[in-house]
Protein backbone atom coordinates (compact mmCIF):
# COMPACT_ATOMS: atom_id res chain seq x y z
CA MET A 1 -24.04 29.05 9.46
CA LYS A 2 -26.33 28.33 6.56
CA LYS A 3 -29.27 26.00 6.78
CA ARG A 4 -28.77 22.41 5.90
CA ALA A 5 -30.19 21.33 2.59
CA SER A 6 -32.46 18.35 2.56
CA ARG A 7 -30.72 15.11 1.75
CA LYS A 8 -31.11 14.24 -1.90
CA SER A 9 -29.98 11.20 -3.75
CA SER A 10 -27.16 11.80 -6.19
CA PRO A 11 -27.90 11.53 -9.87
CA ALA A 12 -26.05 8.62 -11.44
CA SER A 13 -24.47 8.16 -14.84
CA ALA A 14 -25.39 5.31 -17.18
CA ASP A 15 -22.86 3.03 -15.46
CA GLY A 16 -24.31 3.80 -12.01
CA ALA A 17 -21.45 6.03 -10.82
CA PRO A 18 -22.63 9.15 -8.96
CA THR A 19 -22.30 12.38 -10.93
CA SER A 20 -22.53 14.61 -7.84
CA LEU A 21 -22.11 14.31 -4.10
CA ALA A 22 -25.20 14.10 -1.95
CA THR A 23 -24.79 16.36 1.07
CA GLN A 24 -26.93 17.90 3.74
CA PHE A 25 -25.25 21.30 3.32
CA GLU A 26 -26.23 24.01 0.84
CA ASP A 27 -22.60 24.87 0.14
CA ALA A 28 -19.14 23.75 1.25
CA GLU A 29 -18.67 26.62 3.73
CA ALA A 30 -21.68 25.37 5.69
CA SER A 31 -19.96 22.03 6.32
CA PRO A 32 -18.03 21.98 9.62
CA GLY A 33 -15.79 19.22 8.27
CA PHE A 34 -14.81 21.24 5.21
CA VAL A 35 -14.14 24.37 7.27
CA LEU A 36 -12.07 22.37 9.77
CA TRP A 37 -10.04 20.91 6.90
CA GLN A 38 -9.38 24.42 5.52
CA VAL A 39 -8.31 25.80 8.91
CA ALA A 40 -6.12 22.76 9.64
CA THR A 41 -4.42 23.14 6.25
CA LEU A 42 -3.66 26.82 6.90
CA TRP A 43 -2.36 25.97 10.39
CA GLN A 44 -0.12 23.18 9.05
CA ARG A 45 1.29 25.47 6.37
CA ALA A 46 2.13 28.18 8.93
CA LEU A 47 3.57 25.60 11.33
CA ARG A 48 5.80 24.07 8.64
CA ALA A 49 7.09 27.51 7.67
CA ALA A 50 7.90 28.42 11.28
CA LEU A 51 9.59 25.08 12.02
CA GLU A 52 11.56 25.21 8.77
CA GLU A 53 13.40 28.24 10.20
CA VAL A 54 14.79 26.02 13.00
CA ASP A 55 15.17 22.90 10.82
CA LEU A 56 12.56 20.80 12.64
CA THR A 57 9.64 18.71 11.49
CA HIS A 58 6.34 18.87 13.32
CA ALA A 59 6.96 15.43 14.86
CA GLN A 60 10.41 16.52 16.08
CA PHE A 61 8.93 19.67 17.60
CA VAL A 62 6.24 17.67 19.42
CA LEU A 63 8.84 15.27 20.84
CA LEU A 64 11.09 18.10 22.00
CA ALA A 65 8.17 20.04 23.49
CA SER A 66 6.98 16.91 25.31
CA ALA A 67 10.49 16.28 26.65
CA MET A 68 10.76 19.85 27.92
CA TRP A 69 7.29 19.78 29.46
CA LEU A 70 7.94 16.45 31.21
CA GLU A 71 11.30 17.71 32.48
CA GLY A 72 9.45 20.37 34.48
CA GLN A 73 7.01 17.89 36.04
CA PRO A 74 7.42 15.76 39.17
CA PRO A 75 9.27 12.52 38.34
CA ALA A 76 7.16 9.58 37.20
CA ARG A 77 7.53 6.17 38.84
CA GLY A 78 10.22 7.45 41.19
CA SER A 79 12.62 8.05 38.29
CA THR A 80 14.53 11.31 38.16
CA ALA A 81 15.13 11.24 34.40
CA VAL A 82 12.59 11.59 31.62
CA THR A 83 12.80 8.52 29.39
CA GLN A 84 12.05 8.05 25.70
CA THR A 85 9.14 5.87 26.81
CA ASP A 86 7.77 8.76 28.90
CA ILE A 87 8.09 11.11 25.93
CA ALA A 88 6.44 8.68 23.49
CA ALA A 89 3.54 8.11 25.89
CA HIS A 90 3.08 11.84 26.48
CA ALA A 91 3.25 12.74 22.77
CA ARG A 92 1.25 9.63 21.81
CA THR A 93 3.86 8.69 19.25
CA ASP A 94 5.27 5.33 18.30
CA ALA A 95 8.06 4.28 20.70
CA VAL A 96 10.30 3.02 17.87
CA MET A 97 9.94 6.31 15.94
CA THR A 98 10.60 8.28 19.13
CA SER A 99 13.69 6.20 19.91
CA GLY A 100 14.90 6.61 16.33
CA TYR A 101 14.56 10.37 16.51
CA PHE A 102 16.50 10.66 19.75
CA GLY A 103 19.14 8.24 18.47
CA ARG A 104 19.67 10.34 15.33
CA SER A 105 19.56 13.66 17.16
CA SER A 106 22.29 12.55 19.56
CA GLY A 107 24.58 11.54 16.68
CA ARG A 108 24.13 7.76 16.97
CA ARG A 109 23.01 5.57 14.08
């Protein structure tokens, strides 16, 4: 990783708007945030391509994976069935969105 550049103030135009971005990094590749963004973008692109083959969105995949994972775990709260609430909590998704997905996927509207 390259050394951090010293923090400089950004030059401003006549109207006071910055003309460049002040940063502590010598170049973009030295910024962990920029590199993380690049890697995440590549990962999302590959994920979308793989899920497109099975006609799923990333959110749908996460919900299905959570449902399958929970199905293999000991029952929560004495219940024998995994509920939409369990899945939403596990996937950290909105309960209404989760319910909507399972309603549509089972053929209900």
